[in-house]
Amino acid sequence: MKEVVKSSNNNGAILTVEELAKDSESGFVIHRHISTPGYVGEKHGHTDFEWVYVAEGEMKDEFGSYPKGTFKINEKGSVHCSYTETGCTLLVISRGGHAPLSGK
C-alpha cells in the first residue's frame, strides 16, 4: 500500500503527500504533493537532489515563482521554504530526504 500523509499549517491549509513509487535499492522516491491555497511548508534543507514538476497551480519559494509546467531542481544542500497562494499539485522525484531547520 502506498503511503499518504496529510499535514496542515496554522492557517488551515492542507498538504497531502502520496507516495507513487519507491525503489528501496537506489533510494529514489516519487511523490505527488497536493497543496490547498495558502499552504506554507517548513523551511528545510535537502540531503540529496529533488526534482519538482508543477502539474497544476503555482508553487513559490524565496527564489522565485513556478507556474504550471515548470520543472525545478533543488540541489543537494539547498535550503528553501515552499508555499502556494493558489494551491498546486507537484510531482516530486527525490533521493535522500529533508533536513528541517529551525525557524521559517
Protein backbone atom coordinates (compact mmCIF):
# COMPACT_ATOMS: atom_id res chain seq x y z
CA MET A 1 0.00 0.00 0.00
CA LYS A 2 1.24 3.47 -0.89
CA GLU A 3 1.84 5.94 1.93
CA VAL A 4 -0.41 9.01 2.12
CA VAL A 5 0.43 11.77 4.60
CA LYS A 6 -1.64 14.87 5.31
CA SER A 7 -0.45 17.88 7.24
CA SER A 8 -1.82 21.35 7.84
CA ASN A 9 -0.34 24.66 8.83
CA ASN A 10 -1.63 27.32 11.21
CA ASN A 11 -3.97 28.88 8.62
CA GLY A 12 -5.79 25.59 7.96
CA ALA A 13 -4.29 24.93 4.51
CA ILE A 14 -3.51 21.26 3.83
CA LEU A 15 -0.68 19.38 2.13
CA THR A 16 -1.38 15.81 1.03
CA VAL A 17 1.67 13.73 0.06
CA GLU A 18 1.09 10.44 -1.74
CA GLU A 19 3.93 8.02 -2.44
CA LEU A 20 3.57 6.84 -6.05
CA ALA A 21 6.71 4.71 -6.37
CA LYS A 22 9.76 3.79 -4.31
CA ASP A 23 12.94 1.90 -5.12
CA SER A 24 14.49 0.74 -1.85
CA GLU A 25 17.74 -0.26 -3.51
CA SER A 26 18.52 3.14 -5.10
CA GLY A 27 16.59 5.29 -2.62
CA PHE A 28 14.56 7.03 -5.34
CA VAL A 29 11.01 8.01 -4.39
CA ILE A 30 8.25 9.62 -6.46
CA HIS A 31 5.56 11.58 -4.59
CA ARG A 32 2.51 13.60 -5.57
CA HIS A 33 2.11 16.72 -3.40
CA ILE A 34 -1.30 18.40 -3.38
CA SER A 35 -1.43 21.72 -1.52
CA THR A 36 -4.57 23.73 -0.87
CA PRO A 37 -4.44 27.54 -1.32
CA GLY A 38 -2.37 29.27 1.34
CA TYR A 39 -0.21 26.29 2.27
CA VAL A 40 3.24 27.26 3.62
CA GLY A 41 5.76 24.48 4.16
CA GLU A 42 8.51 24.39 6.75
CA LYS A 43 11.90 25.78 5.82
CA HIS A 44 14.10 22.75 5.09
CA GLY A 45 17.33 21.62 3.50
CA HIS A 46 17.88 18.78 1.05
CA THR A 47 20.21 15.88 1.86
CA ASP A 48 20.25 14.97 -1.85
CA PHE A 49 18.67 16.32 -5.03
CA GLU A 50 14.94 16.91 -5.51
CA TRP A 51 13.28 17.31 -8.91
CA VAL A 52 9.91 19.06 -8.90
CA TYR A 53 7.39 19.31 -11.76
CA VAL A 54 4.47 21.69 -11.23
CA ALA A 55 1.47 19.84 -12.70
CA GLU A 56 -1.23 22.31 -11.57
CA GLY A 57 -1.35 25.74 -9.96
CA GLU A 58 1.73 27.64 -8.84
CA MET A 59 4.46 26.99 -6.25
CA LYS A 60 6.70 29.71 -4.86
CA ASP A 61 9.78 29.94 -2.64
CA GLU A 62 12.33 32.60 -1.70
CA PHE A 63 13.95 32.25 -5.11
CA GLY A 64 11.02 32.55 -7.47
CA SER A 65 7.60 31.60 -8.74
CA TYR A 66 6.97 28.31 -10.54
CA PRO A 67 3.73 28.10 -12.57
CA LYS A 68 2.14 25.01 -14.12
CA GLY A 69 4.58 23.27 -16.45
CA THR A 70 7.72 24.39 -14.58
CA PHE A 71 10.49 21.89 -13.82
CA LYS A 72 12.64 22.90 -10.83
CA ILE A 73 15.73 21.23 -9.37
CA ASN A 74 16.63 21.67 -5.70
CA GLU A 75 20.30 20.77 -5.38
CA LYS A 76 21.86 18.74 -2.58
CA GLY A 77 22.43 21.08 0.36
CA SER A 78 19.94 23.69 -0.86
CA VAL A 79 17.58 25.33 1.63
CA HIS A 80 14.15 26.82 0.93
CA CYS A 81 10.56 27.27 2.09
CA SER A 82 7.88 26.41 -0.48
CA TYR A 83 4.40 27.89 -0.42
CA THR A 84 1.38 28.37 -2.66
CA GLU A 85 -1.19 31.13 -2.77
CA THR A 86 -3.38 29.40 -5.38
CA GLY A 87 -2.93 25.75 -4.45
CA CYS A 88 -0.80 23.38 -6.50
CA THR A 89 -0.11 19.78 -7.46
CA LEU A 90 3.52 18.71 -7.75
CA LEU A 91 5.27 15.57 -8.96
CA VAL A 92 8.38 15.25 -6.78
CA ILE A 93 11.25 12.85 -7.51
CA SER A 94 13.92 12.63 -4.85
CA ARG A 95 16.60 10.59 -3.20
CA GLY A 96 17.60 11.29 0.34
CA GLY A 97 15.32 13.42 2.41
CA HIS A 98 14.61 16.75 4.01
CA ALA A 99 16.58 18.27 6.82
CA PRO A 100 14.20 20.52 8.84
CA LEU A 101 15.68 23.78 10.02
CA SER A 102 14.70 25.92 12.97
CA GLY A 103 12.64 28.99 12.05
CA LYS A 104 10.88 29.83 8.77
